[in-house]
Amino acid sequence: MKKVILIIILLIIVIGIIVGIIYFNSGENKSNIENNNNSLSQETMENNTTNNGMGNIVNNNITNKNETQNLQNEGENVSMANARIKLTVNGNEVFVKLDDNVASREFLEMLPLTLTFEDFNSTEKIATLPSELNVDGLPSGYTPEVGDFSYYAPWGNVSVFYKDFRYSNSLYKLGTIESGTEILGNISGNFEVTIERVS
């Protein structure tokens, strides 16, 4: 009888040990699953954060590009209808009617300006601009006449012709002086001219 009781006790102990091992392994597996799930959640959050960041960068770049394009479009849409500028020199005013072309529009956007003019070739008064003008799509040159207000691309200067001149490559007409060409032609030496839009 005692042997039977001992065997039963041993079986109970063995079964307890087996159940404990199974329970321990089950808890460890559950912990590993939870850790894996947490890792996946963290990676998902990081990926979402990265994607959101990239999305914001792309959106910002698109916004900046659109803003730049809008600014460019505003420059292209400068009204040239009856656009006139005034050159003031030594208290005298000279008015110029601008042509409607890309170079004239860019020149208009630079105003107001104060430039130093000098005589060139006893034919024209020239002054260097602070930056070059766009001449895309314009004829490769033309023959200037008295009263022409022009732009010479190689030197980056504007010219006021007080005498006729021969055909010149890379010379582009910006407009025509309405009155006062002789005022500029009669000035000797260097002189300052203030240029501003009047209409």
Protein backbone atom coordinates (compact mmCIF):
# COMPACT_ATOMS: atom_id res chain seq x y z
CA MET A 1 0.00 0.00 0.00
CA LYS A 2 2.84 2.37 0.87
CA LYS A 3 4.48 1.65 -2.49
CA VAL A 4 1.30 2.59 -4.31
CA ILE A 5 1.07 5.86 -2.39
CA LEU A 6 4.72 6.66 -3.19
CA ILE A 7 4.17 5.94 -6.87
CA ILE A 8 1.10 8.19 -6.92
CA ILE A 9 3.07 10.98 -5.18
CA LEU A 10 5.92 10.62 -7.70
CA LEU A 11 3.48 10.72 -10.60
CA ILE A 12 1.90 13.88 -9.16
CA ILE A 13 5.35 15.50 -8.83
CA VAL A 14 6.34 14.51 -12.39
CA ILE A 15 3.05 15.77 -13.79
CA GLY A 16 3.52 19.03 -11.85
CA ILE A 17 7.01 19.44 -13.26
CA ILE A 18 5.76 18.78 -16.81
CA VAL A 19 2.88 21.24 -16.40
CA GLY A 20 5.29 23.85 -15.03
CA ILE A 21 7.64 23.42 -17.98
CA ILE A 22 4.74 23.72 -20.45
CA TYR A 23 3.42 26.82 -18.68
CA PHE A 24 6.89 28.43 -18.60
CA ASN A 25 7.47 27.80 -22.31
CA SER A 26 4.01 29.11 -23.12
CA GLY A 27 4.67 32.35 -21.20
CA GLU A 28 8.03 32.83 -22.92
CA ASN A 29 6.47 32.35 -26.36
CA LYS A 30 3.74 34.84 -25.49
CA SER A 31 6.37 37.34 -24.36
CA ASN A 32 8.30 36.85 -27.62
CA ILE A 33 5.13 37.36 -29.65
CA GLU A 34 4.33 40.57 -27.73
CA ASN A 35 7.92 41.82 -28.23
CA ASN A 36 7.71 41.04 -31.92
CA ASN A 37 4.39 42.84 -32.15
CA ASN A 38 5.85 45.85 -30.32
CA SER A 39 8.85 45.87 -32.68
CA LEU A 40 6.55 45.74 -35.68
CA SER A 41 4.43 48.58 -34.28
CA GLN A 42 7.51 50.68 -33.63
CA GLU A 43 8.86 50.06 -37.15
CA THR A 44 5.45 50.91 -38.60
CA MET A 45 5.37 54.17 -36.64
CA GLU A 46 8.92 55.03 -37.76
CA ASN A 47 8.04 54.26 -41.37
CA ASN A 48 4.92 56.39 -41.12
CA THR A 49 6.94 59.23 -39.61
CA THR A 50 9.55 58.92 -42.37
CA ASN A 51 6.88 58.81 -45.05
CA ASN A 52 5.11 61.81 -43.56
CA GLY A 53 8.41 63.68 -43.44
CA MET A 54 9.17 62.83 -47.06
CA GLY A 55 5.63 63.78 -48.02
CA ASN A 56 6.03 67.15 -46.31
CA ILE A 57 9.35 67.73 -48.08
CA VAL A 58 7.82 66.85 -51.45
CA ASN A 59 4.79 69.04 -50.76
CA ASN A 60 7.03 71.93 -49.67
CA ASN A 61 9.14 71.54 -52.80
CA ILE A 62 6.02 71.55 -54.96
CA THR A 63 4.71 74.63 -53.12
CA ASN A 64 8.02 76.47 -53.51
CA LYS A 65 8.16 75.52 -57.19
CA ASN A 66 4.61 76.78 -57.69
CA GLU A 67 5.44 80.03 -55.90
CA THR A 68 8.52 80.48 -58.09
CA GLN A 69 6.45 79.75 -61.19
CA ASN A 70 3.84 82.27 -60.10
CA LEU A 71 6.53 84.92 -59.64
CA GLN A 72 7.90 84.14 -63.09
CA ASN A 73 4.41 84.36 -64.56
CA GLU A 74 3.88 87.72 -62.89
CA GLY A 75 7.07 88.97 -64.58
CA GLU A 76 5.89 87.65 -67.92
CA ASN A 77 2.53 89.35 -67.52
CA VAL A 78 3.90 92.87 -66.95
CA SER A 79 1.61 95.12 -68.96
CA MET A 80 3.40 96.78 -71.87
CA ALA A 81 0.32 98.57 -73.20
CA ASN A 82 1.47 102.17 -73.71
CA ALA A 83 4.44 101.53 -71.40
CA ARG A 84 6.59 104.66 -71.18
CA ILE A 85 9.69 105.55 -69.19
CA LYS A 86 11.25 108.87 -68.26
CA LEU A 87 14.97 109.65 -68.41
CA THR A 88 15.88 112.59 -66.20
CA VAL A 89 19.25 114.24 -66.88
CA ASN A 90 20.44 117.63 -65.62
CA GLY A 91 16.84 118.61 -64.85
CA ASN A 92 15.67 117.69 -68.37
CA GLU A 93 13.15 114.94 -69.05
CA VAL A 94 13.30 112.56 -72.00
CA PHE A 95 10.38 110.20 -72.62
CA VAL A 96 10.67 106.78 -74.24
CA LYS A 97 7.86 104.57 -75.56
CA LEU A 98 8.83 100.95 -74.97
CA ASP A 99 8.31 98.13 -77.45
CA ASP A 100 6.49 94.98 -76.34
CA ASN A 101 9.16 92.29 -76.11
CA VAL A 102 10.81 90.12 -73.47
CA ALA A 103 13.87 92.38 -73.09
CA SER A 104 11.75 95.52 -72.64
CA ARG A 105 9.63 93.79 -70.01
CA GLU A 106 12.70 92.75 -68.03
CA PHE A 107 14.16 96.25 -68.30
CA LEU A 108 10.89 97.70 -67.00
CA GLU A 109 11.08 95.41 -63.96
CA MET A 110 14.53 96.84 -63.07
CA LEU A 111 13.22 100.36 -62.67
CA PRO A 112 13.83 102.75 -61.09
CA LEU A 113 17.52 102.98 -61.97
CA THR A 114 20.24 105.60 -61.89
CA LEU A 115 22.89 104.90 -64.53
CA THR A 116 26.06 106.67 -65.65
CA PHE A 117 26.07 107.27 -69.43
CA GLU A 118 29.05 107.98 -71.65
CA ASP A 119 29.50 108.76 -75.32
CA PHE A 120 30.43 105.97 -77.70
CA ASN A 121 31.60 106.36 -81.28
CA SER A 122 30.06 109.86 -81.49
CA THR A 123 26.82 108.03 -82.28
CA GLU A 124 25.23 106.86 -79.08
CA LYS A 125 25.17 107.28 -75.32
CA ILE A 126 25.64 104.02 -73.43
CA ALA A 127 25.33 102.80 -69.83
CA THR A 128 25.91 99.36 -68.28
CA LEU A 129 22.93 97.64 -66.66
CA PRO A 130 23.18 95.90 -63.27
CA SER A 131 22.17 92.58 -64.88
CA GLU A 132 21.68 91.10 -68.34
CA LEU A 133 18.34 91.12 -70.16
CA ASN A 134 16.66 88.06 -71.66
CA VAL A 135 16.63 88.27 -75.47
CA ASP A 136 15.20 84.83 -76.26
CA GLY A 137 13.09 84.84 -79.41
CA LEU A 138 14.19 88.30 -80.58
CA PRO A 139 15.82 88.96 -83.99
CA SER A 140 19.60 88.51 -83.95
CA GLY A 141 20.16 92.25 -84.56
CA TYR A 142 18.84 95.33 -86.33
CA THR A 143 19.77 98.70 -87.89
CA PRO A 144 19.40 101.46 -85.26
CA GLU A 145 18.11 104.95 -86.08
CA VAL A 146 18.14 108.32 -84.33
CA GLY A 147 16.01 108.13 -81.20
CA ASP A 148 16.26 104.39 -80.70
CA PHE A 149 16.59 103.09 -77.15
CA SER A 150 18.40 99.76 -77.43
CA TYR A 151 20.20 96.97 -75.62
CA TYR A 152 23.56 95.57 -76.71
CA ALA A 153 23.82 92.05 -75.25
CA PRO A 154 27.62 91.40 -75.49
CA TRP A 155 28.36 94.40 -73.27
CA GLY A 156 25.15 94.36 -71.26
CA ASN A 157 24.47 98.04 -71.88
CA VAL A 158 21.55 100.21 -72.97
CA SER A 159 22.10 102.69 -75.80
CA VAL A 160 20.45 105.93 -76.83
CA PHE A 161 21.22 106.61 -80.49
CA TYR A 162 21.45 110.29 -81.44
CA LYS A 163 22.75 109.35 -84.92
CA ASP A 164 21.81 106.60 -87.36
CA PHE A 165 24.10 103.56 -87.38
CA ARG A 166 24.70 100.42 -89.44
CA TYR A 167 23.19 96.99 -88.84
CA SER A 168 24.57 95.44 -85.65
CA ASN A 169 24.39 91.85 -84.45
CA SER A 170 23.23 91.26 -80.86
CA LEU A 171 21.63 94.72 -80.75
CA TYR A 172 17.99 94.73 -79.66
CA LYS A 173 15.51 97.57 -79.76
CA LEU A 174 13.77 98.34 -76.47
CA GLY A 175 11.84 101.43 -77.50
CA THR A 176 11.80 104.85 -79.17
CA ILE A 177 12.46 108.30 -77.73
CA GLU A 178 9.35 110.45 -78.15
CA SER A 179 11.19 113.75 -77.66
CA GLY A 180 14.48 115.04 -76.32
CA THR A 181 17.04 112.99 -78.25
CA GLU A 182 19.07 116.15 -78.86
CA ILE A 183 19.32 116.76 -75.11
CA LEU A 184 21.34 113.58 -74.66
CA GLY A 185 23.30 114.03 -77.88
CA ASN A 186 24.52 117.48 -76.84
CA ILE A 187 25.96 116.38 -73.48
CA SER A 188 29.70 115.80 -73.40
CA GLY A 189 31.51 113.60 -70.90
CA ASN A 190 29.91 111.19 -68.48
CA PHE A 191 26.55 112.03 -66.91
CA GLU A 192 23.99 110.43 -64.63
CA VAL A 193 20.49 109.57 -65.75
CA THR A 194 17.58 108.54 -63.54
CA ILE A 195 15.19 106.18 -65.32
CA GLU A 196 11.68 105.45 -64.05
CA ARG A 197 8.35 104.25 -65.37
CA VAL A 198 5.70 106.87 -65.98
CA SER A 199 2.89 104.74 -67.48
